[in-house]
N, C-alpha and C. Protein backbone atom coordinates (compact mmCIF):
# COMPACT_ATOMS: atom_id res chain seq x y z
N UNK A 1 -12.65 5.89 -0.24
CA UNK A 1 -12.30 5.13 -1.42
C UNK A 1 -12.06 3.68 -0.99
N UNK A 2 -12.50 2.74 -1.77
CA UNK A 2 -12.27 1.33 -1.46
C UNK A 2 -10.96 0.85 -2.08
N UNK A 3 -10.46 -0.28 -1.59
CA UNK A 3 -9.27 -0.86 -2.19
C UNK A 3 -9.53 -1.24 -3.65
N UNK A 4 -10.74 -1.63 -3.95
CA UNK A 4 -11.09 -1.93 -5.34
C UNK A 4 -10.94 -0.70 -6.23
N UNK A 5 -11.33 0.46 -5.71
CA UNK A 5 -11.18 1.70 -6.47
C UNK A 5 -9.70 2.07 -6.61
N UNK A 6 -8.92 1.84 -5.55
CA UNK A 6 -7.48 2.08 -5.62
C UNK A 6 -6.88 1.22 -6.73
N UNK A 7 -7.26 -0.04 -6.76
CA UNK A 7 -6.78 -0.98 -7.79
C UNK A 7 -7.10 -0.45 -9.18
N UNK A 8 -8.31 0.05 -9.35
CA UNK A 8 -8.73 0.57 -10.66
C UNK A 8 -7.95 1.83 -11.04
N UNK A 9 -7.83 2.77 -10.11
CA UNK A 9 -7.12 4.03 -10.37
C UNK A 9 -5.69 3.75 -10.81
N UNK A 10 -5.05 2.79 -10.19
CA UNK A 10 -3.64 2.50 -10.48
C UNK A 10 -3.46 1.42 -11.55
N UNK A 11 -4.58 0.90 -12.05
CA UNK A 11 -4.52 -0.21 -13.00
C UNK A 11 -3.57 -1.29 -12.44
N UNK A 12 -3.79 -1.61 -11.17
CA UNK A 12 -2.90 -2.50 -10.44
C UNK A 12 -3.33 -3.95 -10.57
N UNK A 13 -2.37 -4.83 -10.36
CA UNK A 13 -2.62 -6.26 -10.32
C UNK A 13 -2.69 -6.68 -8.84
N UNK A 14 -3.73 -7.37 -8.46
CA UNK A 14 -3.90 -7.84 -7.09
C UNK A 14 -3.19 -9.17 -6.93
N UNK A 15 -2.28 -9.26 -5.94
CA UNK A 15 -1.54 -10.48 -5.69
C UNK A 15 -2.13 -11.28 -4.54
N UNK A 16 -2.75 -10.61 -3.58
CA UNK A 16 -3.49 -11.27 -2.51
C UNK A 16 -4.41 -10.26 -1.85
N UNK A 17 -5.44 -10.76 -1.20
CA UNK A 17 -6.35 -9.89 -0.48
C UNK A 17 -7.64 -9.55 -1.21
N UNK A 18 -8.08 -10.43 -2.08
CA UNK A 18 -9.30 -10.15 -2.83
C UNK A 18 -10.49 -9.86 -1.91
N UNK A 19 -10.49 -10.52 -0.74
CA UNK A 19 -11.59 -10.32 0.21
C UNK A 19 -11.57 -8.93 0.84
N UNK A 20 -10.49 -8.17 0.63
CA UNK A 20 -10.36 -6.83 1.21
C UNK A 20 -10.74 -5.70 0.24
N UNK A 21 -11.09 -6.03 -0.98
CA UNK A 21 -11.33 -5.00 -1.99
C UNK A 21 -12.48 -4.05 -1.66
N UNK A 22 -13.40 -4.46 -0.81
CA UNK A 22 -14.51 -3.59 -0.42
C UNK A 22 -14.18 -2.71 0.78
N UNK A 23 -13.01 -2.89 1.38
CA UNK A 23 -12.62 -2.10 2.55
C UNK A 23 -12.33 -0.65 2.15
N UNK A 24 -12.77 0.26 2.99
CA UNK A 24 -12.51 1.69 2.79
C UNK A 24 -11.09 2.02 3.24
N UNK A 25 -10.42 2.87 2.50
CA UNK A 25 -9.13 3.43 2.90
C UNK A 25 -9.27 4.94 2.91
N UNK A 26 -8.55 5.57 3.82
CA UNK A 26 -8.69 7.01 4.01
C UNK A 26 -7.44 7.79 3.66
N UNK A 27 -6.27 7.14 3.74
CA UNK A 27 -5.01 7.84 3.50
C UNK A 27 -4.03 6.92 2.78
N UNK A 28 -2.97 7.53 2.26
CA UNK A 28 -1.90 6.78 1.61
C UNK A 28 -0.56 7.35 2.03
N UNK A 29 0.44 6.49 1.99
CA UNK A 29 1.81 6.87 2.33
C UNK A 29 2.72 6.24 1.27
N UNK A 30 3.60 7.03 0.69
CA UNK A 30 4.55 6.52 -0.29
C UNK A 30 5.96 6.68 0.22
N UNK A 31 6.68 5.57 0.42
CA UNK A 31 8.03 5.65 0.93
C UNK A 31 8.77 4.33 0.75
N UNK A 32 10.09 4.43 0.56
CA UNK A 32 10.96 3.26 0.58
C UNK A 32 11.69 3.17 1.92
N UNK A 33 11.50 4.14 2.79
CA UNK A 33 12.12 4.14 4.11
C UNK A 33 11.07 3.77 5.15
N UNK A 34 11.23 2.63 5.76
CA UNK A 34 10.23 2.18 6.72
C UNK A 34 10.21 3.07 7.97
N UNK A 35 11.31 3.76 8.26
CA UNK A 35 11.30 4.70 9.38
C UNK A 35 10.35 5.86 9.10
N UNK A 36 10.25 6.28 7.85
CA UNK A 36 9.28 7.32 7.49
C UNK A 36 7.85 6.80 7.62
N UNK A 37 7.64 5.56 7.26
CA UNK A 37 6.31 4.96 7.38
C UNK A 37 5.90 4.91 8.85
N UNK A 38 6.85 4.62 9.73
CA UNK A 38 6.54 4.55 11.16
C UNK A 38 6.15 5.92 11.72
N UNK A 39 6.53 6.99 11.04
CA UNK A 39 6.15 8.35 11.47
C UNK A 39 4.81 8.77 10.90
N UNK A 40 4.19 7.90 10.14
CA UNK A 40 2.92 8.17 9.48
C UNK A 40 1.77 7.76 10.39
N UNK A 41 0.80 8.62 10.58
CA UNK A 41 -0.34 8.29 11.42
C UNK A 41 -1.22 7.28 10.70
N UNK A 42 -1.49 6.18 11.36
CA UNK A 42 -2.27 5.11 10.74
C UNK A 42 -3.76 5.45 10.71
N UNK A 43 -4.41 5.07 9.63
CA UNK A 43 -5.84 5.27 9.51
C UNK A 43 -6.33 4.52 8.28
N UNK A 44 -6.40 3.20 8.39
CA UNK A 44 -6.84 2.39 7.25
C UNK A 44 -6.13 2.83 5.98
N UNK A 45 -4.81 2.77 6.01
CA UNK A 45 -3.99 3.36 4.96
C UNK A 45 -3.51 2.36 3.92
N UNK A 46 -3.01 2.94 2.84
CA UNK A 46 -2.35 2.22 1.76
C UNK A 46 -0.89 2.65 1.78
N UNK A 47 0.02 1.69 1.64
CA UNK A 47 1.45 1.98 1.56
C UNK A 47 1.93 1.70 0.14
N UNK A 48 2.53 2.72 -0.48
CA UNK A 48 3.16 2.54 -1.79
C UNK A 48 4.66 2.52 -1.58
N UNK A 49 5.33 1.51 -2.15
CA UNK A 49 6.76 1.37 -1.93
C UNK A 49 7.41 0.59 -3.06
N UNK A 50 8.71 0.74 -3.16
CA UNK A 50 9.51 -0.06 -4.07
C UNK A 50 10.39 -1.03 -3.32
N UNK A 51 10.34 -0.98 -1.99
CA UNK A 51 11.13 -1.87 -1.14
C UNK A 51 10.53 -3.26 -1.18
N UNK A 52 11.37 -4.26 -1.36
CA UNK A 52 10.85 -5.60 -1.66
C UNK A 52 11.20 -6.66 -0.63
N UNK A 53 11.01 -6.38 0.66
CA UNK A 53 11.32 -7.42 1.64
C UNK A 53 10.19 -7.59 2.65
N UNK A 54 10.34 -8.58 3.52
CA UNK A 54 9.30 -8.89 4.49
C UNK A 54 9.14 -7.78 5.53
N UNK A 55 10.16 -6.95 5.71
CA UNK A 55 10.06 -5.86 6.67
C UNK A 55 8.94 -4.89 6.29
N UNK A 56 8.67 -4.77 5.01
CA UNK A 56 7.57 -3.91 4.55
C UNK A 56 6.24 -4.42 5.13
N UNK A 57 6.04 -5.73 5.08
CA UNK A 57 4.81 -6.33 5.60
C UNK A 57 4.75 -6.15 7.11
N UNK A 58 5.85 -6.37 7.79
CA UNK A 58 5.88 -6.24 9.25
C UNK A 58 5.60 -4.79 9.68
N UNK A 59 6.15 -3.84 8.93
CA UNK A 59 5.88 -2.43 9.23
C UNK A 59 4.41 -2.11 8.97
N UNK A 60 3.88 -2.59 7.86
CA UNK A 60 2.47 -2.36 7.54
C UNK A 60 1.57 -2.93 8.63
N UNK A 61 1.90 -4.09 9.13
CA UNK A 61 1.10 -4.70 10.20
C UNK A 61 1.12 -3.83 11.46
N UNK A 62 2.29 -3.33 11.83
CA UNK A 62 2.41 -2.48 13.02
C UNK A 62 1.60 -1.21 12.90
N UNK A 63 1.47 -0.68 11.70
CA UNK A 63 0.82 0.60 11.47
C UNK A 63 -0.63 0.47 11.01
N UNK A 64 -1.18 -0.73 11.06
CA UNK A 64 -2.57 -0.98 10.62
C UNK A 64 -2.81 -0.57 9.18
N UNK A 65 -1.80 -0.72 8.36
CA UNK A 65 -1.92 -0.48 6.92
C UNK A 65 -2.56 -1.73 6.31
N UNK A 66 -3.60 -1.55 5.52
CA UNK A 66 -4.33 -2.72 5.02
C UNK A 66 -3.98 -3.11 3.58
N UNK A 67 -3.12 -2.31 2.94
CA UNK A 67 -2.73 -2.65 1.57
C UNK A 67 -1.34 -2.11 1.27
N UNK A 68 -0.52 -2.97 0.68
CA UNK A 68 0.80 -2.58 0.19
C UNK A 68 0.75 -2.62 -1.32
N UNK A 69 1.20 -1.53 -1.93
CA UNK A 69 1.26 -1.48 -3.40
C UNK A 69 2.72 -1.29 -3.80
N UNK A 70 3.24 -2.26 -4.53
CA UNK A 70 4.60 -2.18 -5.03
C UNK A 70 4.58 -1.44 -6.37
N UNK A 71 5.39 -0.42 -6.47
CA UNK A 71 5.42 0.44 -7.66
C UNK A 71 6.50 -0.03 -8.63
N UNK A 72 6.51 0.58 -9.81
CA UNK A 72 7.51 0.32 -10.85
C UNK A 72 7.54 -1.14 -11.31
N UNK A 73 6.37 -1.77 -11.34
CA UNK A 73 6.23 -3.17 -11.81
C UNK A 73 7.01 -4.17 -10.97
N UNK A 74 7.35 -3.81 -9.75
CA UNK A 74 8.10 -4.73 -8.90
C UNK A 74 7.19 -5.86 -8.44
N UNK A 75 7.71 -7.06 -8.50
CA UNK A 75 6.98 -8.26 -8.08
C UNK A 75 7.62 -8.79 -6.81
N UNK A 76 6.90 -8.77 -5.69
CA UNK A 76 7.47 -9.28 -4.45
C UNK A 76 7.67 -10.79 -4.51
N UNK A 77 8.61 -11.27 -3.72
CA UNK A 77 8.86 -12.71 -3.62
C UNK A 77 7.64 -13.41 -3.04
N UNK A 78 7.44 -14.67 -3.37
CA UNK A 78 6.27 -15.40 -2.86
C UNK A 78 6.16 -15.37 -1.33
N UNK A 79 7.30 -15.40 -0.63
CA UNK A 79 7.23 -15.39 0.84
C UNK A 79 6.74 -14.04 1.38
N UNK A 80 6.98 -12.96 0.65
CA UNK A 80 6.46 -11.64 1.05
C UNK A 80 4.94 -11.63 0.89
N UNK A 81 4.46 -12.13 -0.22
CA UNK A 81 3.01 -12.20 -0.47
C UNK A 81 2.34 -13.11 0.55
N UNK A 82 2.96 -14.24 0.84
CA UNK A 82 2.38 -15.18 1.81
C UNK A 82 2.31 -14.56 3.21
N UNK A 83 3.35 -13.85 3.62
CA UNK A 83 3.31 -13.19 4.92
C UNK A 83 2.19 -12.16 4.97
N UNK A 84 2.03 -11.40 3.90
CA UNK A 84 0.94 -10.42 3.84
C UNK A 84 -0.41 -11.11 3.92
N UNK A 85 -0.54 -12.23 3.23
CA UNK A 85 -1.80 -13.00 3.27
C UNK A 85 -2.10 -13.44 4.70
N UNK A 86 -1.09 -13.92 5.40
CA UNK A 86 -1.25 -14.36 6.80
C UNK A 86 -1.65 -13.20 7.71
N UNK A 87 -1.21 -12.00 7.40
CA UNK A 87 -1.49 -10.82 8.22
C UNK A 87 -2.73 -10.06 7.75
N UNK A 88 -3.45 -10.60 6.78
CA UNK A 88 -4.66 -9.97 6.22
C UNK A 88 -4.36 -8.59 5.64
N UNK A 89 -3.28 -8.51 4.87
CA UNK A 89 -2.89 -7.28 4.19
C UNK A 89 -2.95 -7.56 2.68
N UNK A 90 -3.67 -6.73 1.96
CA UNK A 90 -3.74 -6.87 0.50
C UNK A 90 -2.41 -6.44 -0.11
N UNK A 91 -2.05 -7.08 -1.22
CA UNK A 91 -0.83 -6.73 -1.94
C UNK A 91 -1.17 -6.53 -3.41
N UNK A 92 -0.71 -5.41 -3.95
CA UNK A 92 -0.89 -5.10 -5.36
C UNK A 92 0.44 -4.67 -5.95
N UNK A 93 0.51 -4.69 -7.26
CA UNK A 93 1.66 -4.13 -7.96
C UNK A 93 1.13 -3.27 -9.11
N UNK A 94 1.83 -2.18 -9.38
CA UNK A 94 1.43 -1.27 -10.45
C UNK A 94 2.65 -0.92 -11.29
N UNK A 95 2.42 -0.59 -12.54
CA UNK A 95 3.52 -0.19 -13.42
C UNK A 95 3.96 1.24 -13.16
N UNK A 96 3.12 2.03 -12.48
CA UNK A 96 3.44 3.43 -12.24
C UNK A 96 4.63 3.61 -11.31
N UNK A 97 5.35 4.70 -11.51
CA UNK A 97 6.37 5.10 -10.55
C UNK A 97 5.68 5.65 -9.32
N UNK A 98 6.40 5.73 -8.20
CA UNK A 98 5.78 6.14 -6.95
C UNK A 98 5.15 7.52 -7.05
N UNK A 99 5.85 8.48 -7.63
CA UNK A 99 5.33 9.84 -7.73
C UNK A 99 4.00 9.85 -8.48
N UNK A 100 3.96 9.16 -9.60
CA UNK A 100 2.76 9.11 -10.42
C UNK A 100 1.63 8.39 -9.68
N UNK A 101 1.93 7.26 -9.06
CA UNK A 101 0.91 6.51 -8.33
C UNK A 101 0.32 7.34 -7.20
N UNK A 102 1.17 8.02 -6.44
CA UNK A 102 0.67 8.88 -5.36
C UNK A 102 -0.19 10.01 -5.92
N UNK A 103 0.25 10.60 -7.02
CA UNK A 103 -0.52 11.68 -7.64
C UNK A 103 -1.87 11.22 -8.14
N UNK A 104 -1.92 10.05 -8.73
CA UNK A 104 -3.19 9.50 -9.21
C UNK A 104 -4.16 9.28 -8.05
N UNK A 105 -3.65 8.72 -6.95
CA UNK A 105 -4.51 8.47 -5.79
C UNK A 105 -4.96 9.78 -5.15
N UNK A 106 -4.06 10.76 -5.07
CA UNK A 106 -4.42 12.06 -4.52
C UNK A 106 -5.49 12.72 -5.39
N UNK A 107 -5.30 12.66 -6.69
CA UNK A 107 -6.28 13.24 -7.62
C UNK A 107 -7.64 12.56 -7.54
N UNK A 108 -7.65 11.29 -7.12
CA UNK A 108 -8.90 10.55 -7.00
C UNK A 108 -9.55 10.75 -5.63
N UNK A 109 -8.89 11.54 -4.75
CA UNK A 109 -9.52 11.87 -3.48
C UNK A 109 -8.89 11.28 -2.24
N UNK A 110 -7.84 10.49 -2.39
CA UNK A 110 -7.16 9.92 -1.22
C UNK A 110 -6.17 10.95 -0.70
N UNK A 111 -6.14 11.18 0.61
CA UNK A 111 -5.22 12.19 1.13
C UNK A 111 -4.01 11.55 1.80
N UNK A 112 -3.09 12.42 2.22
CA UNK A 112 -1.83 11.96 2.78
C UNK A 112 -1.82 11.79 4.27
N UNK A 113 -2.91 12.09 4.94
CA UNK A 113 -2.94 11.92 6.39
C UNK A 113 -2.08 12.94 7.10
N UNK A 114 -1.70 12.61 8.31
CA UNK A 114 -0.93 13.49 9.17
C UNK A 114 0.46 12.92 9.36
N UNK A 115 1.47 13.77 9.25
CA UNK A 115 2.85 13.35 9.46
C UNK A 115 3.32 13.86 10.82
N UNK A 116 3.92 13.00 11.59
CA UNK A 116 4.42 13.37 12.91
C UNK A 116 5.88 13.78 12.79
N UNK A 117 6.22 14.95 13.29
CA UNK A 117 7.61 15.41 13.27
C UNK A 117 8.33 14.95 14.49
């Protein structure tokens, strides 16, 4: 699935990363706990979260996550979007709650990857 298809499935608004919309993504992770994200095996993934700080971008960069989607209509601060832009990470926002957004992506064929215990 491409990031453009993810955007369509979630009826999301793209805040940065238009040049990344053709990139393929294979998995998604939904969490507000960055420690849980760090336990997620990276693989051209999408991160769905309601957490609104720069640590989200820094965690995404460490895990090779190429897109952050903020759920529940949350709008990140301009400095969060700018940091993501500098790190070549797409940023979107969707009106869906995390559970619904994850379910929509799963139903469209995106899987959850592997979780490390």
